[in-house]
All heavy atoms as atom14 arrays in JSON, in Angstrom:
{
  "sequence": "LFYKLESKFKQMPNPNTLIQTAVYFHRHDQSYIKNFFTIQST",
  "atom14_mask": [
    [1, 1, 1, 1, 1, 1, 1, 1, 0, 0, 0, 0, 0, 0],
    [1, 1, 1, 1, 1, 1, 1, 1, 1, 1, 1, 0, 0, 0],
    [1, 1, 1, 1, 1, 1, 1, 1, 1, 1, 1, 1, 0, 0],
    [1, 1, 1, 1, 1, 1, 1, 1, 1, 0, 0, 0, 0, 0],
    [1, 1, 1, 1, 1, 1, 1, 1, 0, 0, 0, 0, 0, 0],
    [1, 1, 1, 1, 1, 1, 1, 1, 1, 0, 0, 0, 0, 0],
    [1, 1, 1, 1, 1, 1, 0, 0, 0, 0, 0, 0, 0, 0],
    [1, 1, 1, 1, 1, 1, 1, 1, 1, 0, 0, 0, 0, 0],
    [1, 1, 1, 1, 1, 1, 1, 1, 1, 1, 1, 0, 0, 0],
    [1, 1, 1, 1, 1, 1, 1, 1, 1, 0, 0, 0, 0, 0],
    [1, 1, 1, 1, 1, 1, 1, 1, 1, 0, 0, 0, 0, 0],
    [1, 1, 1, 1, 1, 1, 1, 1, 0, 0, 0, 0, 0, 0],
    [1, 1, 1, 1, 1, 1, 1, 0, 0, 0, 0, 0, 0, 0],
    [1, 1, 1, 1, 1, 1, 1, 1, 0, 0, 0, 0, 0, 0],
    [1, 1, 1, 1, 1, 1, 1, 0, 0, 0, 0, 0, 0, 0],
    [1, 1, 1, 1, 1, 1, 1, 1, 0, 0, 0, 0, 0, 0],
    [1, 1, 1, 1, 1, 1, 1, 0, 0, 0, 0, 0, 0, 0],
    [1, 1, 1, 1, 1, 1, 1, 1, 0, 0, 0, 0, 0, 0],
    [1, 1, 1, 1, 1, 1, 1, 1, 0, 0, 0, 0, 0, 0],
    [1, 1, 1, 1, 1, 1, 1, 1, 1, 0, 0, 0, 0, 0],
    [1, 1, 1, 1, 1, 1, 1, 0, 0, 0, 0, 0, 0, 0],
    [1, 1, 1, 1, 1, 0, 0, 0, 0, 0, 0, 0, 0, 0],
    [1, 1, 1, 1, 1, 1, 1, 0, 0, 0, 0, 0, 0, 0],
    [1, 1, 1, 1, 1, 1, 1, 1, 1, 1, 1, 1, 0, 0],
    [1, 1, 1, 1, 1, 1, 1, 1, 1, 1, 1, 0, 0, 0],
    [1, 1, 1, 1, 1, 1, 1, 1, 1, 1, 0, 0, 0, 0],
    [1, 1, 1, 1, 1, 1, 1, 1, 1, 1, 1, 0, 0, 0],
    [1, 1, 1, 1, 1, 1, 1, 1, 1, 1, 0, 0, 0, 0],
    [1, 1, 1, 1, 1, 1, 1, 1, 0, 0, 0, 0, 0, 0],
    [1, 1, 1, 1, 1, 1, 1, 1, 1, 0, 0, 0, 0, 0],
    [1, 1, 1, 1, 1, 1, 0, 0, 0, 0, 0, 0, 0, 0],
    [1, 1, 1, 1, 1, 1, 1, 1, 1, 1, 1, 1, 0, 0],
    [1, 1, 1, 1, 1, 1, 1, 1, 0, 0, 0, 0, 0, 0],
    [1, 1, 1, 1, 1, 1, 1, 1, 1, 0, 0, 0, 0, 0],
    [1, 1, 1, 1, 1, 1, 1, 1, 0, 0, 0, 0, 0, 0],
    [1, 1, 1, 1, 1, 1, 1, 1, 1, 1, 1, 0, 0, 0],
    [1, 1, 1, 1, 1, 1, 1, 1, 1, 1, 1, 0, 0, 0],
    [1, 1, 1, 1, 1, 1, 1, 0, 0, 0, 0, 0, 0, 0],
    [1, 1, 1, 1, 1, 1, 1, 1, 0, 0, 0, 0, 0, 0],
    [1, 1, 1, 1, 1, 1, 1, 1, 1, 0, 0, 0, 0, 0],
    [1, 1, 1, 1, 1, 1, 0, 0, 0, 0, 0, 0, 0, 0],
    [1, 1, 1, 1, 1, 1, 1, 0, 0, 0, 0, 0, 0, 0]
  ],
  "atom14_positions": [
    [[60.9, -90.48, -52.65], [59.65, -90.25, -51.93], [58.45, -90.73, -52.74], [57.54, -91.38, -52.2], [59.5, -88.76, -51.6], [60.48, -88.17, -50.59], [60.22, -86.68, -50.43], [60.36, -88.86, -49.25], [0.0, 0.0, 0.0], [0.0, 0.0, 0.0], [0.0, 0.0, 0.0], [0.0, 0.0, 0.0], [0.0, 0.0, 0.0], [0.0, 0.0, 0.0]],
    [[58.45, -90.43, -54.03], [57.34, -90.84, -54.89], [57.26, -92.36, -54.96], [56.16, -92.94, -54.95], [57.54, -90.24, -56.28], [56.34, -90.44, -57.18], [55.16, -89.77, -56.93], [56.42, -91.29, -58.28], [54.06, -89.95, -57.76], [55.33, -91.48, -59.11], [54.15, -90.81, -58.85], [0.0, 0.0, 0.0], [0.0, 0.0, 0.0], [0.0, 0.0, 0.0]],
    [[58.42, -93.01, -55.03], [58.43, -94.47, -55.09], [57.85, -95.08, -53.81], [57.06, -96.03, -53.85], [59.87, -94.98, -55.29], [59.99, -96.48, -55.22], [59.6, -97.28, -56.29], [60.49, -97.1, -54.08], [59.7, -98.66, -56.23], [60.59, -98.48, -54.01], [60.19, -99.26, -55.09], [60.29, -100.61, -55.01], [0.0, 0.0, 0.0], [0.0, 0.0, 0.0]],
    [[58.22, -94.51, -52.65], [57.7, -95.02, -51.38], [56.18, -94.86, -51.28], [55.49, -95.69, -50.7], [58.38, -94.29, -50.21], [59.85, -94.65, -50.05], [60.47, -93.84, -48.93], [61.96, -94.16, -48.79], [62.6, -93.36, -47.73], [0.0, 0.0, 0.0], [0.0, 0.0, 0.0], [0.0, 0.0, 0.0], [0.0, 0.0, 0.0], [0.0, 0.0, 0.0]],
    [[55.67, -93.78, -51.84], [54.23, -93.5, -51.77], [53.42, -94.32, -52.77], [52.32, -94.77, -52.48], [53.98, -92.01, -52.01], [54.47, -91.04, -50.93], [54.32, -89.61, -51.4], [53.7, -91.26, -49.63], [0.0, 0.0, 0.0], [0.0, 0.0, 0.0], [0.0, 0.0, 0.0], [0.0, 0.0, 0.0], [0.0, 0.0, 0.0], [0.0, 0.0, 0.0]],
    [[53.97, -94.5, -53.98], [53.19, -95.06, -55.07], [53.47, -96.52, -55.37], [52.64, -97.19, -55.98], [53.42, -94.24, -56.34], [52.97, -92.8, -56.26], [51.46, -92.66, -56.19], [50.75, -93.56, -56.7], [50.97, -91.67, -55.63], [0.0, 0.0, 0.0], [0.0, 0.0, 0.0], [0.0, 0.0, 0.0], [0.0, 0.0, 0.0], [0.0, 0.0, 0.0]],
    [[54.62, -97.03, -54.97], [55.0, -98.39, -55.38], [54.07, -99.46, -54.84], [53.98, -100.55, -55.39], [56.44, -98.69, -54.96], [56.55, -98.61, -53.54], [0.0, 0.0, 0.0], [0.0, 0.0, 0.0], [0.0, 0.0, 0.0], [0.0, 0.0, 0.0], [0.0, 0.0, 0.0], [0.0, 0.0, 0.0], [0.0, 0.0, 0.0], [0.0, 0.0, 0.0]],
    [[53.37, -99.13, -53.73], [52.44, -100.12, -53.16], [51.19, -100.28, -54.01], [50.49, -101.28, -53.92], [52.05, -99.69, -51.74], [53.19, -99.72, -50.75], [52.71, -99.31, -49.37], [53.86, -99.33, -48.37], [53.43, -98.92, -47.01], [0.0, 0.0, 0.0], [0.0, 0.0, 0.0], [0.0, 0.0, 0.0], [0.0, 0.0, 0.0], [0.0, 0.0, 0.0]],
    [[50.91, -99.3, -54.84], [49.67, -99.31, -55.62], [49.88, -99.69, -57.08], [48.97, -100.17, -57.74], [49.0, -97.93, -55.54], [48.78, -97.47, -54.13], [49.61, -96.52, -53.56], [47.74, -97.98, -53.37], [49.42, -96.09, -52.26], [47.53, -97.56, -52.07], [48.37, -96.61, -51.51], [0.0, 0.0, 0.0], [0.0, 0.0, 0.0], [0.0, 0.0, 0.0]],
    [[51.08, -99.46, -57.6], [51.35, -99.84, -58.98], [52.84, -100.12, -59.14], [53.67, -99.65, -58.37], [50.9, -98.74, -59.94], [51.56, -97.39, -59.71], [50.99, -96.36, -60.67], [51.61, -94.98, -60.42], [51.06, -93.96, -61.34], [0.0, 0.0, 0.0], [0.0, 0.0, 0.0], [0.0, 0.0, 0.0], [0.0, 0.0, 0.0], [0.0, 0.0, 0.0]],
    [[53.15, -100.9, -60.14], [54.55, -101.29, -60.37], [55.34, -100.08, -60.87], [54.96, -99.44, -61.83], [54.62, -102.43, -61.39], [56.01, -103.0, -61.55], [56.02, -104.21, -62.45], [55.0, -104.56, -63.03], [57.18, -104.84, -62.59], [0.0, 0.0, 0.0], [0.0, 0.0, 0.0], [0.0, 0.0, 0.0], [0.0, 0.0, 0.0], [0.0, 0.0, 0.0]],
    [[56.46, -99.79, -60.18], [57.29, -98.65, -60.54], [58.76, -99.05, -60.48], [59.13, -99.9, -59.68], [57.06, -97.48, -59.58], [55.69, -96.86, -59.64], [55.56, -95.52, -58.46], [56.8, -94.4, -59.12], [0.0, 0.0, 0.0], [0.0, 0.0, 0.0], [0.0, 0.0, 0.0], [0.0, 0.0, 0.0], [0.0, 0.0, 0.0], [0.0, 0.0, 0.0]],
    [[59.61, -98.47, -61.3], [61.05, -98.72, -61.19], [61.59, -98.18, -59.89], [61.2, -97.1, -59.45], [61.64, -97.99, -62.4], [60.62, -96.94, -62.75], [59.29, -97.54, -62.4], [0.0, 0.0, 0.0], [0.0, 0.0, 0.0], [0.0, 0.0, 0.0], [0.0, 0.0, 0.0], [0.0, 0.0, 0.0], [0.0, 0.0, 0.0], [0.0, 0.0, 0.0]],
    [[62.48, -98.93, -59.25], [63.0, -98.57, -57.93], [64.28, -97.75, -58.06], [65.3, -98.25, -58.51], [63.28, -99.85, -57.13], [63.69, -99.56, -55.7], [63.86, -98.41, -55.31], [63.84, -100.61, -54.92], [0.0, 0.0, 0.0], [0.0, 0.0, 0.0], [0.0, 0.0, 0.0], [0.0, 0.0, 0.0], [0.0, 0.0, 0.0], [0.0, 0.0, 0.0]],
    [[64.27, -96.46, -57.65], [65.48, -95.63, -57.75], [66.58, -96.05, -56.79], [67.73, -95.64, -56.95], [64.96, -94.21, -57.42], [63.73, -94.43, -56.62], [63.12, -95.7, -57.13], [0.0, 0.0, 0.0], [0.0, 0.0, 0.0], [0.0, 0.0, 0.0], [0.0, 0.0, 0.0], [0.0, 0.0, 0.0], [0.0, 0.0, 0.0], [0.0, 0.0, 0.0]],
    [[66.25, -96.87, -55.78], [67.27, -97.33, -54.84], [68.33, -98.19, -55.51], [69.44, -98.34, -54.99], [66.61, -98.14, -53.71], [65.97, -97.27, -52.67], [66.65, -96.54, -51.94], [64.65, -97.31, -52.6], [0.0, 0.0, 0.0], [0.0, 0.0, 0.0], [0.0, 0.0, 0.0], [0.0, 0.0, 0.0], [0.0, 0.0, 0.0], [0.0, 0.0, 0.0]],
    [[68.01, -98.77, -56.66], [68.94, -99.7, -57.3], [70.0, -98.99, -58.13], [70.91, -99.64, -58.66], [68.16, -100.66, -58.23], [67.5, -99.89, -59.26], [67.11, -101.44, -57.45], [0.0, 0.0, 0.0], [0.0, 0.0, 0.0], [0.0, 0.0, 0.0], [0.0, 0.0, 0.0], [0.0, 0.0, 0.0], [0.0, 0.0, 0.0], [0.0, 0.0, 0.0]],
    [[69.92, -97.66, -58.26], [70.85, -96.94, -59.12], [72.26, -96.87, -58.55], [73.23, -96.79, -59.28], [70.36, -95.52, -59.38], [69.03, -95.38, -60.12], [68.74, -93.92, -60.41], [69.03, -96.18, -61.41], [0.0, 0.0, 0.0], [0.0, 0.0, 0.0], [0.0, 0.0, 0.0], [0.0, 0.0, 0.0], [0.0, 0.0, 0.0], [0.0, 0.0, 0.0]],
    [[72.38, -96.87, -57.23], [73.7, -96.72, -56.58], [74.01, -97.96, -55.75], [73.25, -98.31, -54.84], [73.76, -95.47, -55.7], [73.44, -94.21, -56.5], [75.14, -95.34, -55.05], [73.49, -92.93, -55.69], [0.0, 0.0, 0.0], [0.0, 0.0, 0.0], [0.0, 0.0, 0.0], [0.0, 0.0, 0.0], [0.0, 0.0, 0.0], [0.0, 0.0, 0.0]],
    [[75.11, -98.62, -56.05], [75.58, -99.78, -55.3], [76.83, -99.4, -54.52], [77.53, -98.44, -54.87], [75.88, -100.94, -56.25], [74.7, -101.38, -57.1], [73.55, -101.92, -56.3], [73.75, -102.59, -55.28], [72.33, -101.67, -56.74], [0.0, 0.0, 0.0], [0.0, 0.0, 0.0], [0.0, 0.0, 0.0], [0.0, 0.0, 0.0], [0.0, 0.0, 0.0]],
    [[77.13, -100.17, -53.48], [78.27, -99.85, -52.61], [79.13, -101.09, -52.35], [78.62, -102.21, -52.35], [77.79, -99.28, -51.26], [76.87, -100.22, -50.67], [77.1, -97.94, -51.44], [0.0, 0.0, 0.0], [0.0, 0.0, 0.0], [0.0, 0.0, 0.0], [0.0, 0.0, 0.0], [0.0, 0.0, 0.0], [0.0, 0.0, 0.0], [0.0, 0.0, 0.0]],
    [[80.41, -100.85, -52.11], [81.33, -101.94, -51.82], [82.52, -101.42, -51.04], [82.84, -100.22, -51.07], [81.8, -102.61, -53.12], [0.0, 0.0, 0.0], [0.0, 0.0, 0.0], [0.0, 0.0, 0.0], [0.0, 0.0, 0.0], [0.0, 0.0, 0.0], [0.0, 0.0, 0.0], [0.0, 0.0, 0.0], [0.0, 0.0, 0.0], [0.0, 0.0, 0.0]],
    [[83.2, -102.34, -50.33], [84.45, -102.03, -49.64], [85.49, -103.04, -50.11], [85.23, -104.25, -50.13], [84.31, -102.09, -48.1], [85.65, -101.76, -47.44], [83.22, -101.15, -47.62], [0.0, 0.0, 0.0], [0.0, 0.0, 0.0], [0.0, 0.0, 0.0], [0.0, 0.0, 0.0], [0.0, 0.0, 0.0], [0.0, 0.0, 0.0], [0.0, 0.0, 0.0]],
    [[86.66, -102.54, -50.48], [87.75, -103.4, -50.94], [88.87, -103.37, -49.92], [89.4, -102.32, -49.57], [88.27, -102.92, -52.3], [89.56, -103.57, -52.74], [89.62, -104.93, -53.0], [90.74, -102.81, -52.88], [90.81, -105.53, -53.39], [91.92, -103.4, -53.28], [91.95, -104.76, -53.53], [93.12, -105.36, -53.9], [0.0, 0.0, 0.0], [0.0, 0.0, 0.0]],
    [[89.25, -104.56, -49.4], [90.34, -104.71, -48.44], [91.54, -105.29, -49.16], [91.55, -106.46, -49.56], [89.91, -105.62, -47.29], [88.8, -105.06, -46.44], [87.47, -105.32, -46.76], [89.08, -104.27, -45.34], [86.45, -104.81, -45.99], [88.05, -103.75, -44.56], [86.73, -104.02, -44.89], [0.0, 0.0, 0.0], [0.0, 0.0, 0.0], [0.0, 0.0, 0.0]],
    [[92.58, -104.48, -49.32], [93.69, -104.84, -50.19], [94.63, -105.89, -49.58], [95.29, -106.62, -50.31], [94.49, -103.58, -50.53], [95.59, -103.8, -51.51], [95.38, -104.28, -52.78], [96.95, -103.6, -51.41], [96.52, -104.38, -53.41], [97.49, -103.99, -52.62], [0.0, 0.0, 0.0], [0.0, 0.0, 0.0], [0.0, 0.0, 0.0], [0.0, 0.0, 0.0]],
    [[94.67, -105.98, -48.26], [95.69, -106.84, -47.62], [95.17, -108.22, -47.24], [95.89, -109.01, -46.61], [96.26, -106.14, -46.39], [96.93, -104.82, -46.72], [97.54, -104.16, -45.51], [98.63, -104.93, -44.94], [99.4, -104.51, -43.94], [99.2, -103.3, -43.44], [100.36, -105.27, -43.46], [0.0, 0.0, 0.0], [0.0, 0.0, 0.0], [0.0, 0.0, 0.0]],
    [[93.92, -108.53, -47.61], [93.36, -109.83, -47.23], [92.55, -110.41, -48.38], [92.06, -109.67, -49.25], [92.47, -109.68, -46.0], [93.19, -109.17, -44.79], [93.99, -109.96, -43.99], [93.26, -107.91, -44.28], [94.5, -109.22, -43.02], [94.08, -107.98, -43.16], [0.0, 0.0, 0.0], [0.0, 0.0, 0.0], [0.0, 0.0, 0.0], [0.0, 0.0, 0.0]],
    [[92.39, -111.74, -48.38], [91.64, -112.4, -49.44], [90.16, -112.51, -49.05], [89.76, -112.18, -47.94], [92.24, -113.77, -49.79], [92.25, -114.74, -48.61], [91.43, -114.55, -47.67], [93.06, -115.67, -48.61], [0.0, 0.0, 0.0], [0.0, 0.0, 0.0], [0.0, 0.0, 0.0], [0.0, 0.0, 0.0], [0.0, 0.0, 0.0], [0.0, 0.0, 0.0]],
    [[89.37, -113.04, -49.98], [87.92, -113.12, -49.79], [87.54, -113.96, -48.58], [86.64, -113.61, -47.82], [87.27, -113.73, -51.04], [87.29, -112.84, -52.27], [86.3, -111.69, -52.15], [86.68, -110.53, -52.19], [85.04, -112.0, -51.98], [0.0, 0.0, 0.0], [0.0, 0.0, 0.0], [0.0, 0.0, 0.0], [0.0, 0.0, 0.0], [0.0, 0.0, 0.0]],
    [[88.22, -115.08, -48.4], [87.9, -115.98, -47.29], [88.12, -115.3, -45.95], [87.29, -115.42, -45.03], [88.76, -117.25, -47.4], [88.51, -118.11, -46.3], [0.0, 0.0, 0.0], [0.0, 0.0, 0.0], [0.0, 0.0, 0.0], [0.0, 0.0, 0.0], [0.0, 0.0, 0.0], [0.0, 0.0, 0.0], [0.0, 0.0, 0.0], [0.0, 0.0, 0.0]],
    [[89.25, -114.59, -45.81], [89.54, -113.89, -44.54], [88.49, -112.83, -44.27], [88.01, -112.69, -43.14], [90.93, -113.27, -44.61], [91.37, -112.65, -43.29], [92.2, -113.36, -42.43], [90.95, -111.38, -42.92], [92.58, -112.82, -41.22], [91.33, -110.82, -41.71], [92.15, -111.55, -40.87], [92.53, -111.0, -39.67], [0.0, 0.0, 0.0], [0.0, 0.0, 0.0]],
    [[88.13, -112.06, -45.3], [87.14, -110.99, -45.13], [85.8, -111.55, -44.68], [85.16, -111.03, -43.76], [86.97, -110.21, -46.45], [88.28, -109.56, -46.88], [85.88, -109.14, -46.3], [88.87, -108.61, -45.89], [0.0, 0.0, 0.0], [0.0, 0.0, 0.0], [0.0, 0.0, 0.0], [0.0, 0.0, 0.0], [0.0, 0.0, 0.0], [0.0, 0.0, 0.0]],
    [[85.37, -112.65, -45.31], [84.09, -113.26, -44.96], [84.08, -113.72, -43.51], [83.12, -113.46, -42.76], [83.81, -114.43, -45.89], [82.48, -115.11, -45.62], [82.23, -116.26, -46.58], [80.9, -116.93, -46.27], [80.63, -118.07, -47.2], [0.0, 0.0, 0.0], [0.0, 0.0, 0.0], [0.0, 0.0, 0.0], [0.0, 0.0, 0.0], [0.0, 0.0, 0.0]],
    [[85.16, -114.38, -43.08], [85.23, -114.88, -41.7], [85.31, -113.73, -40.69], [84.72, -113.8, -39.61], [86.45, -115.8, -41.54], [86.3, -117.1, -42.29], [85.18, -117.56, -42.52], [87.4, -117.69, -42.7], [0.0, 0.0, 0.0], [0.0, 0.0, 0.0], [0.0, 0.0, 0.0], [0.0, 0.0, 0.0], [0.0, 0.0, 0.0], [0.0, 0.0, 0.0]],
    [[86.04, -112.68, -41.04], [86.22, -111.56, -40.12], [84.89, -110.88, -39.8], [84.63, -110.5, -38.66], [87.19, -110.55, -40.72], [87.51, -109.39, -39.82], [88.56, -109.48, -38.9], [86.78, -108.22, -39.86], [88.85, -108.42, -38.05], [87.06, -107.15, -39.02], [88.1, -107.25, -38.11], [0.0, 0.0, 0.0], [0.0, 0.0, 0.0], [0.0, 0.0, 0.0]],
    [[84.04, -110.73, -40.81], [82.79, -109.99, -40.62], [81.58, -110.9, -40.41], [80.45, -110.43, -40.51], [82.55, -109.07, -41.82], [83.47, -107.89, -41.88], [84.53, -107.87, -42.77], [83.3, -106.81, -41.03], [85.4, -106.78, -42.82], [84.16, -105.72, -41.08], [85.21, -105.71, -41.98], [0.0, 0.0, 0.0], [0.0, 0.0, 0.0], [0.0, 0.0, 0.0]],
    [[81.81, -112.16, -40.11], [80.71, -113.08, -39.85], [80.55, -113.3, -38.35], [81.52, -113.64, -37.66], [80.95, -114.43, -40.54], [80.98, -114.24, -41.96], [79.83, -115.41, -40.21], [0.0, 0.0, 0.0], [0.0, 0.0, 0.0], [0.0, 0.0, 0.0], [0.0, 0.0, 0.0], [0.0, 0.0, 0.0], [0.0, 0.0, 0.0], [0.0, 0.0, 0.0]],
    [[79.35, -113.1, -37.85], [79.03, -113.33, -36.44], [77.78, -114.19, -36.37], [76.77, -113.89, -37.01], [78.81, -112.0, -35.69], [80.13, -111.26, -35.55], [78.19, -112.24, -34.32], [80.03, -109.93, -34.84], [0.0, 0.0, 0.0], [0.0, 0.0, 0.0], [0.0, 0.0, 0.0], [0.0, 0.0, 0.0], [0.0, 0.0, 0.0], [0.0, 0.0, 0.0]],
    [[77.86, -115.25, -35.59], [76.75, -116.18, -35.46], [76.16, -116.11, -34.05], [76.88, -115.95, -33.07], [77.21, -117.61, -35.74], [77.77, -117.84, -37.14], [76.72, -117.71, -38.21], [75.52, -117.86, -37.94], [77.15, -117.46, -39.43], [0.0, 0.0, 0.0], [0.0, 0.0, 0.0], [0.0, 0.0, 0.0], [0.0, 0.0, 0.0], [0.0, 0.0, 0.0]],
    [[74.84, -116.23, -33.98], [74.14, -116.27, -32.7], [73.35, -117.57, -32.6], [72.82, -118.06, -33.61], [73.2, -115.07, -32.56], [72.39, -115.2, -31.41], [0.0, 0.0, 0.0], [0.0, 0.0, 0.0], [0.0, 0.0, 0.0], [0.0, 0.0, 0.0], [0.0, 0.0, 0.0], [0.0, 0.0, 0.0], [0.0, 0.0, 0.0], [0.0, 0.0, 0.0]],
    [[73.26, -118.12, -31.39], [72.47, -119.34, -31.19], [70.98, -119.04, -31.18], [70.17, -119.95, -31.33], [72.87, -120.01, -29.86], [72.71, -119.06, -28.8], [74.31, -120.48, -29.91], [0.0, 0.0, 0.0], [0.0, 0.0, 0.0], [0.0, 0.0, 0.0], [0.0, 0.0, 0.0], [0.0, 0.0, 0.0], [0.0, 0.0, 0.0], [0.0, 0.0, 0.0]]
  ]
}
């Protein structure tokens, strides 16, 4: 909350960067995963 209020006025470290997330799919390789979750619109 403090970061959202104050970061616009002065440089502050971002607490959002402390936690990262990932999903690991054991039965498929990187190429398959990328194609499976890619959707294109015209």
